[in-house]
Amino acid sequence: MNKQAVMTIVFWAAIALAAFGIISSLGSKGLFGLVIPVVVLGAIFLLYKYPPRRWARKTKPKIKPSARTMAKVKAQSGTGARKSSGSSKKRKDYPFHVIQGNKGKSDEDIPKFH
């Protein structure tokens, strides 16, 4: 059974139990017993739909790109087509390199497929 089917079953079981609870509370407490849960659920819904400003997600202010950045974007888009990977550098220059060991190399140690 996949996860979606299990979640559907759990959801409908919760709905059925909630409906059973509402019906049973109506029988024992009357209509007044339903007022508090309805108010609480309504408040939760309103807080979810219209959160207070201090809880709302803060949007980042739009930052105007510098003239230097705009010049770069204009230079790249001015060619009309994207540069192919052949025109750019094949390798990056990193500030580290491999130091060869002192054991020496033999033809048997070098892998045939690299």
Protein backbone atom coordinates (compact mmCIF):
# COMPACT_ATOMS: atom_id res chain seq x y z
CA MET A 1 0.00 0.00 0.00
CA ASN A 2 1.49 3.35 -0.94
CA LYS A 3 1.85 6.35 1.36
CA GLN A 4 -0.91 8.34 -0.35
CA ALA A 5 -3.50 5.62 0.27
CA VAL A 6 -2.52 5.32 3.94
CA MET A 7 -2.80 9.09 4.41
CA THR A 8 -6.24 9.07 2.77
CA ILE A 9 -7.44 6.32 5.10
CA VAL A 10 -6.08 8.12 8.18
CA PHE A 11 -7.70 11.40 7.07
CA TRP A 12 -11.15 9.88 6.57
CA ALA A 13 -10.88 7.93 9.82
CA ALA A 14 -10.14 11.19 11.67
CA ILE A 15 -13.11 12.87 9.95
CA ALA A 16 -15.38 9.97 10.93
CA LEU A 17 -14.21 10.10 14.56
CA ALA A 18 -14.71 13.87 14.66
CA ALA A 19 -18.23 13.52 13.27
CA PHE A 20 -18.99 10.81 15.82
CA GLY A 21 -17.67 13.05 18.62
CA ILE A 22 -19.78 15.99 17.48
CA ILE A 23 -22.92 13.88 17.29
CA SER A 24 -22.31 12.33 20.71
CA SER A 25 -21.59 15.73 22.32
CA LEU A 26 -24.84 17.10 20.89
CA GLY A 27 -26.72 14.30 22.57
CA SER A 28 -25.19 14.77 26.00
CA LYS A 29 -24.47 18.52 26.30
CA GLY A 30 -26.83 20.03 23.81
CA LEU A 31 -25.98 22.90 21.46
CA PHE A 32 -24.10 24.88 24.13
CA GLY A 33 -21.39 22.20 24.30
CA LEU A 34 -20.53 22.92 20.68
CA VAL A 35 -19.96 26.65 21.06
CA ILE A 36 -16.45 26.49 22.58
CA PRO A 37 -14.97 24.06 20.01
CA VAL A 38 -16.46 26.09 17.14
CA VAL A 39 -15.00 29.33 18.53
CA VAL A 40 -11.57 27.72 19.02
CA LEU A 41 -11.54 26.23 15.51
CA GLY A 42 -12.72 29.56 14.06
CA ALA A 43 -9.91 31.42 15.84
CA ILE A 44 -7.33 28.91 14.58
CA PHE A 45 -8.67 29.26 11.05
CA LEU A 46 -8.56 33.06 11.19
CA LEU A 47 -5.00 33.04 12.57
CA TYR A 48 -3.99 30.67 9.79
CA LYS A 49 -5.68 32.70 7.06
CA TYR A 50 -4.72 36.16 8.36
CA PRO A 51 -1.60 35.84 10.55
CA PRO A 52 -0.51 38.83 12.68
CA ARG A 53 2.17 41.03 11.12
CA ARG A 54 4.85 39.93 13.55
CA TRP A 55 4.32 36.29 12.54
CA ALA A 56 4.06 36.95 8.83
CA ARG A 57 6.94 35.99 6.61
CA LYS A 58 9.30 38.82 6.13
CA THR A 59 9.92 39.64 2.51
CA LYS A 60 13.40 40.62 1.55
CA PRO A 61 13.71 44.13 0.22
CA LYS A 62 14.44 44.29 -3.47
CA ILE A 63 18.08 45.22 -3.98
CA LYS A 64 18.97 47.24 -7.02
CA PRO A 65 21.89 45.64 -8.88
CA SER A 66 25.03 47.72 -9.21
CA ALA A 67 26.11 49.26 -12.49
CA ARG A 68 28.98 46.77 -12.65
CA THR A 69 26.57 43.82 -12.35
CA MET A 70 24.26 45.28 -14.97
CA ALA A 71 27.24 45.75 -17.32
CA LYS A 72 28.12 42.06 -16.92
CA VAL A 73 24.55 40.95 -17.59
CA LYS A 74 24.34 43.22 -20.62
CA ALA A 75 27.65 41.93 -21.98
CA GLN A 76 26.54 38.30 -21.62
CA SER A 77 23.11 38.83 -23.15
CA GLY A 78 24.48 41.06 -25.91
CA THR A 79 25.82 38.09 -27.86
CA GLY A 80 22.33 36.68 -28.27
CA ALA A 81 23.34 33.06 -27.76
CA ARG A 82 24.78 31.27 -24.83
CA LYS A 83 28.47 30.62 -24.89
CA SER A 84 29.43 27.06 -25.57
CA SER A 85 31.47 25.18 -23.02
CA GLY A 86 34.39 25.05 -25.47
CA SER A 87 34.98 28.78 -25.29
CA SER A 88 35.22 28.84 -21.51
CA LYS A 89 38.11 27.53 -19.48
CA LYS A 90 38.14 23.75 -19.24
CA ARG A 91 39.68 23.73 -15.77
CA LYS A 92 39.43 25.95 -12.78
CA ASP A 93 42.54 27.17 -11.05
CA TYR A 94 42.50 25.93 -7.48
CA PRO A 95 44.96 27.10 -4.82
CA PHE A 96 46.14 23.54 -4.12
CA HIS A 97 47.83 20.77 -6.07
CA VAL A 98 48.83 17.13 -5.65
CA ILE A 99 52.28 16.51 -4.23
CA GLN A 100 53.84 13.37 -5.67
CA GLY A 101 55.11 10.84 -3.13
CA ASN A 102 58.63 9.47 -2.79
CA LYS A 103 57.84 5.83 -3.57
CA GLY A 104 58.37 6.18 -7.27
CA LYS A 105 56.13 5.00 -10.04
CA SER A 106 56.11 1.76 -11.92
CA ASP A 107 54.08 0.83 -14.98
CA GLU A 108 52.34 -1.95 -13.04
CA ASP A 109 50.89 0.47 -10.46
CA ILE A 110 49.28 2.80 -13.00
CA PRO A 111 45.66 1.79 -13.67
CA LYS A 112 44.93 0.81 -17.26
CA PHE A 113 41.56 2.58 -17.28
CA HIS A 114 41.51 6.00 -15.77
